[in-house]
Protein backbone atom coordinates (compact mmCIF):
# COMPACT_ATOMS: atom_id res chain seq x y z
CA UNK A 1 -12.08 -4.49 -14.97
CA UNK A 2 -9.91 -1.43 -15.00
CA UNK A 3 -8.35 0.91 -12.43
CA UNK A 4 -8.89 4.59 -12.28
CA UNK A 5 -5.97 5.13 -14.79
CA UNK A 6 -7.86 2.87 -17.17
CA UNK A 7 -5.19 -0.02 -16.91
CA UNK A 8 -6.85 -3.57 -17.56
CA UNK A 9 -6.82 -6.21 -14.79
CA UNK A 10 -8.73 -9.21 -13.39
CA UNK A 11 -9.50 -10.89 -10.06
CA UNK A 12 -6.44 -12.44 -10.34
CA UNK A 13 -4.43 -9.27 -10.13
CA UNK A 14 -1.29 -9.58 -7.64
CA UNK A 15 0.90 -6.66 -6.80
CA UNK A 16 4.03 -6.88 -4.48
CA UNK A 17 5.55 -3.47 -3.30
CA UNK A 18 8.80 -3.24 -1.74
CA UNK A 19 9.59 -0.04 0.25
CA UNK A 20 13.24 0.69 1.45
CA UNK A 21 15.29 3.61 2.48
CA UNK A 22 18.01 4.65 0.25
CA UNK A 23 20.81 7.13 -0.06
CA UNK A 24 21.46 7.17 3.83
CA UNK A 25 17.45 7.49 4.29
CA UNK A 26 17.45 10.63 2.11
CA UNK A 27 15.00 8.86 -0.34
CA UNK A 28 12.33 6.18 -0.28
CA UNK A 29 12.49 3.85 -2.99
CA UNK A 30 9.63 1.91 -3.96
CA UNK A 31 9.78 -0.94 -6.40
CA UNK A 32 6.23 -2.68 -7.53
CA UNK A 33 5.77 -5.71 -9.72
CA UNK A 34 2.24 -6.57 -11.39
CA UNK A 35 0.93 -9.92 -12.37
CA UNK A 36 -2.47 -10.21 -13.93
CA UNK A 37 -2.11 -13.22 -16.34
CA UNK A 38 -5.47 -12.82 -17.98
CA UNK A 39 -4.67 -8.73 -18.69
CA UNK A 40 -0.94 -8.68 -19.46
CA UNK A 41 1.23 -11.09 -21.36
CA UNK A 42 3.88 -11.00 -18.93
CA UNK A 43 4.75 -9.56 -15.26
CA UNK A 44 5.92 -5.80 -15.20
CA UNK A 45 7.28 -3.64 -12.48
CA UNK A 46 8.02 -0.14 -11.99
CA UNK A 47 10.45 1.81 -9.52
CA UNK A 48 9.50 5.20 -7.78
CA UNK A 49 12.24 7.23 -5.82
CA UNK A 50 10.73 9.86 -3.30
CA UNK A 51 12.89 12.54 -1.38
CA UNK A 52 12.34 12.90 2.13
CA UNK A 53 10.81 16.17 2.93
CA UNK A 54 11.56 18.42 5.82
CA UNK A 55 8.59 20.38 5.78
CA UNK A 56 6.89 18.63 8.82
CA UNK A 57 6.67 15.20 10.27
CA UNK A 58 3.44 12.95 9.44
CA UNK A 59 1.06 12.03 11.69
CA UNK A 60 -2.01 9.95 11.20
CA UNK A 61 -5.14 11.32 10.37
CA UNK A 62 -8.28 9.92 10.37
CA UNK A 63 -11.03 10.95 7.62
CA UNK A 64 -14.33 9.58 7.28
CA UNK A 65 -15.15 11.80 4.41
CA UNK A 66 -14.97 10.40 0.94
CA UNK A 67 -13.92 7.00 2.32
CA UNK A 68 -14.49 4.67 -0.67
CA UNK A 69 -12.73 1.81 -2.44
CA UNK A 70 -11.00 3.87 -5.69
CA UNK A 71 -11.25 0.86 -7.93
CA UNK A 72 -14.92 -0.25 -7.10
CA UNK A 73 -16.30 3.31 -6.03
CA UNK A 74 -18.05 1.88 -3.44
CA UNK A 75 -17.83 3.08 0.27
CA UNK A 76 -15.47 1.47 2.75
CA UNK A 77 -16.11 0.54 6.49
CA UNK A 78 -14.27 3.06 8.75
CA UNK A 79 -11.61 1.02 10.18
CA UNK A 80 -11.92 0.15 14.28
CA UNK A 81 -9.09 -0.97 16.50
CA UNK A 82 -10.52 -4.33 18.02
CA UNK A 83 -7.21 -4.93 20.11
CA UNK A 84 -5.83 -1.79 21.53
CA UNK A 85 -2.23 -1.87 22.69
CA UNK A 86 -1.94 -1.25 26.14
């Protein structure tokens, strides 16, 4: 198997993502580690830093169009809240 970028992996793929604000909240740091023993000889990590945007606040949006798993290209069910907060 491989992802949309052609990176190989197996069912044993394990991904750990860590998110934290840095620079007094002006940036978001994302560090991820990939482990896929049958695809890679050693785990590997990468770090991304995103600047805060002042364009507008993010709002939650629900979109049922093109709702598919990017790895398998199979349709995903639309999530439904089964225990709404009161």
